[in-house]
Each structure stands twice: as C-alpha cells, then as structure tokens.
N, C-alpha and C. Protein backbone atom coordinates (compact mmCIF):
# COMPACT_ATOMS: atom_id res chain seq x y z
N UNK A 1 -0.43 -16.25 -14.56
CA UNK A 1 -0.59 -15.88 -13.33
C UNK A 1 -1.75 -15.80 -12.74
N UNK A 2 -1.94 -16.39 -11.37
CA UNK A 2 -3.05 -16.99 -10.87
C UNK A 2 -3.20 -15.72 -10.04
N UNK A 3 -4.37 -14.74 -9.79
CA UNK A 3 -4.46 -14.00 -8.96
C UNK A 3 -5.37 -14.53 -7.94
N UNK A 4 -4.65 -14.29 -6.60
CA UNK A 4 -5.54 -15.38 -5.41
C UNK A 4 -6.54 -14.18 -4.91
N UNK A 5 -7.86 -13.97 -5.56
CA UNK A 5 -8.83 -12.99 -5.51
C UNK A 5 -9.07 -12.68 -3.96
N UNK A 6 -9.46 -13.75 -3.16
CA UNK A 6 -9.88 -13.91 -2.03
C UNK A 6 -8.77 -12.64 -1.05
N UNK A 7 -7.51 -13.42 -1.35
CA UNK A 7 -6.39 -12.53 -0.49
C UNK A 7 -6.56 -11.31 -0.95
N UNK A 8 -6.54 -11.10 -2.27
CA UNK A 8 -6.41 -9.48 -2.71
C UNK A 8 -7.33 -8.64 -2.08
N UNK A 9 -8.82 -9.20 -1.63
CA UNK A 9 -9.65 -8.93 -1.25
C UNK A 9 -9.47 -8.49 0.28
N UNK A 10 -9.04 -9.48 0.95
CA UNK A 10 -8.82 -9.28 2.09
C UNK A 10 -7.46 -8.08 2.53
N UNK A 11 -6.81 -7.98 1.65
CA UNK A 11 -6.00 -6.86 1.51
C UNK A 11 -6.28 -5.58 1.83
N UNK A 12 -7.03 -5.18 0.62
CA UNK A 12 -7.90 -4.34 0.31
C UNK A 12 -8.63 -3.54 1.60
N UNK A 13 -9.24 -4.61 2.09
CA UNK A 13 -10.32 -4.21 3.52
C UNK A 13 -9.75 -3.91 4.62
N UNK A 14 -8.33 -4.66 5.01
CA UNK A 14 -7.48 -4.38 5.75
C UNK A 14 -6.35 -3.58 5.92
N UNK A 15 -5.68 -3.23 4.72
CA UNK A 15 -4.75 -2.41 4.67
C UNK A 15 -4.70 -1.28 3.75
N UNK A 16 -5.72 -1.21 2.67
CA UNK A 16 -5.52 -0.35 1.93
C UNK A 16 -6.12 0.85 2.21
N UNK A 17 -5.80 2.20 1.33
CA UNK A 17 -6.54 3.88 1.88
C UNK A 17 -7.84 4.18 1.51
N UNK A 18 -8.63 4.33 2.21
CA UNK A 18 -10.04 4.84 2.38
C UNK A 18 -10.67 4.95 0.97
N UNK A 19 -9.87 5.49 0.17
CA UNK A 19 -10.01 6.13 -1.09
C UNK A 19 -10.09 4.56 -1.85
N UNK A 20 -8.95 4.03 -1.89
CA UNK A 20 -8.72 2.39 -2.51
C UNK A 20 -10.05 1.61 -2.04
N UNK A 21 -10.51 1.73 -0.88
CA UNK A 21 -11.45 0.64 -0.37
C UNK A 21 -12.75 0.97 -1.14
N UNK A 22 -12.63 2.27 -1.11
CA UNK A 22 -14.24 2.94 -1.76
C UNK A 22 -14.42 2.43 -3.61
N UNK A 23 -12.91 2.45 -3.93
CA UNK A 23 -12.86 2.34 -5.31
C UNK A 23 -13.15 0.90 -5.57
N UNK A 24 -12.54 0.03 -4.67
CA UNK A 24 -12.69 -1.53 -4.95
C UNK A 24 -14.03 -1.77 -4.77
N UNK A 25 -14.99 -1.12 -3.87
CA UNK A 25 -16.22 -1.86 -3.56
C UNK A 25 -16.93 -1.08 -4.96
N UNK A 26 -16.61 0.17 -5.53
CA UNK A 26 -17.41 0.62 -6.36
C UNK A 26 -16.66 -0.30 -7.89
N UNK A 27 -15.91 -0.50 -8.02
CA UNK A 27 -15.32 -1.51 -8.92
C UNK A 27 -16.06 -2.90 -9.28
N UNK A 28 -15.77 -3.85 -7.93
CA UNK A 28 -16.09 -4.88 -7.77
C UNK A 28 -16.99 -5.64 -6.83
N UNK A 29 -18.02 -4.33 -6.20
CA UNK A 29 -18.97 -5.01 -4.93
C UNK A 29 -20.34 -4.28 -4.85
N UNK A 30 -20.27 -3.66 -6.59
CA UNK A 30 -21.65 -2.72 -6.61
C UNK A 30 -21.62 -1.56 -5.68
N UNK A 31 -20.74 -0.71 -5.15
CA UNK A 31 -20.57 0.05 -4.54
C UNK A 31 -20.94 1.43 -4.86
N UNK A 32 -21.35 2.37 -4.64
CA UNK A 32 -22.09 3.68 -4.88
C UNK A 32 -20.39 4.68 -5.06
N UNK A 33 -20.46 5.79 -6.06
CA UNK A 33 -19.46 6.41 -6.68
C UNK A 33 -19.35 7.69 -5.68
N UNK A 34 -20.24 8.25 -5.10
CA UNK A 34 -20.38 9.40 -4.17
C UNK A 34 -19.12 9.03 -3.02
N UNK A 35 -18.82 7.82 -2.42
CA UNK A 35 -17.90 7.74 -1.29
C UNK A 35 -16.84 7.95 -1.93
N UNK A 36 -16.66 7.49 -3.21
CA UNK A 36 -15.14 7.72 -3.84
C UNK A 36 -15.16 9.25 -3.96
N UNK A 37 -15.42 9.99 -4.37
CA UNK A 37 -15.55 11.02 -4.37
C UNK A 37 -15.26 12.23 -3.18
N UNK A 38 -15.97 11.42 -2.15
CA UNK A 38 -15.72 12.05 -0.69
C UNK A 38 -14.52 11.96 -0.21
N UNK A 39 -13.97 10.55 -0.10
CA UNK A 39 -12.82 10.13 -0.18
C UNK A 39 -11.67 10.97 -1.02
N UNK A 40 -12.11 11.20 -2.25
CA UNK A 40 -10.87 11.96 -2.97
C UNK A 40 -10.67 13.43 -2.68
N UNK A 41 -11.80 13.98 -1.91
CA UNK A 41 -11.89 15.07 -1.75
C UNK A 41 -10.66 15.35 -0.32
N UNK A 42 -10.32 14.18 0.15
CA UNK A 42 -9.31 14.22 1.16
C UNK A 42 -8.11 14.91 0.97
N UNK A 43 -7.62 14.69 -0.85
CA UNK A 43 -6.42 14.81 -1.22
C UNK A 43 -6.28 16.02 -1.76
N UNK A 44 -7.20 16.77 -1.83
CA UNK A 44 -7.35 18.09 -2.70
C UNK A 44 -6.39 19.10 -1.71
N UNK A 45 -5.77 19.92 -2.80
CA UNK A 45 -4.63 20.60 -2.30
C UNK A 45 -5.17 22.01 -2.07
N UNK A 46 -4.60 23.37 -1.42
CA UNK A 46 -5.51 24.19 -1.17
C UNK A 46 -5.71 25.33 -2.22
N UNK A 47 -5.16 24.92 -3.48
CA UNK A 47 -5.53 25.85 -4.47
C UNK A 47 -6.52 25.08 -5.44
N UNK A 48 -7.21 23.80 -4.64
CA UNK A 48 -8.18 23.15 -5.63
C UNK A 48 -7.76 21.91 -6.15
N UNK A 49 -6.38 21.95 -6.29
CA UNK A 49 -5.83 20.69 -7.16
C UNK A 49 -5.99 19.45 -6.52
N UNK A 50 -5.56 18.52 -7.19
CA UNK A 50 -5.24 17.18 -6.62
C UNK A 50 -3.68 17.04 -7.05
N UNK A 51 -2.72 16.12 -6.15
CA UNK A 51 -1.51 15.72 -6.59
C UNK A 51 -0.57 16.31 -6.34
C-alpha cells in the first residue's frame, strides 16, 4: 500500500488537532519537543491526569 505523503502532510497541517500538528513536526520535520508538551497540557484533567 502506497501512502500519499504530501496529501497526508497537507491533511495534518489543515485539519489535525494542535497536539497532532506539533507531534508531526517533532517526528517528521525536526520540530522541538516543548510545543508537544505545551499542547498536551490542554488535555489535562482537573485532577492532574490525562484521559
């Protein structure tokens, strides 16, 4: 199965959640880790957990 990498990247930048855009940048575009951590903080529950 071939993956259309440019189409996948276009989807990420145009439709993905902020955390996923930062994860993509970290994994495939030499992005920094800190923006991923900052975006994840938005998903933190009042008790300090995630989920």
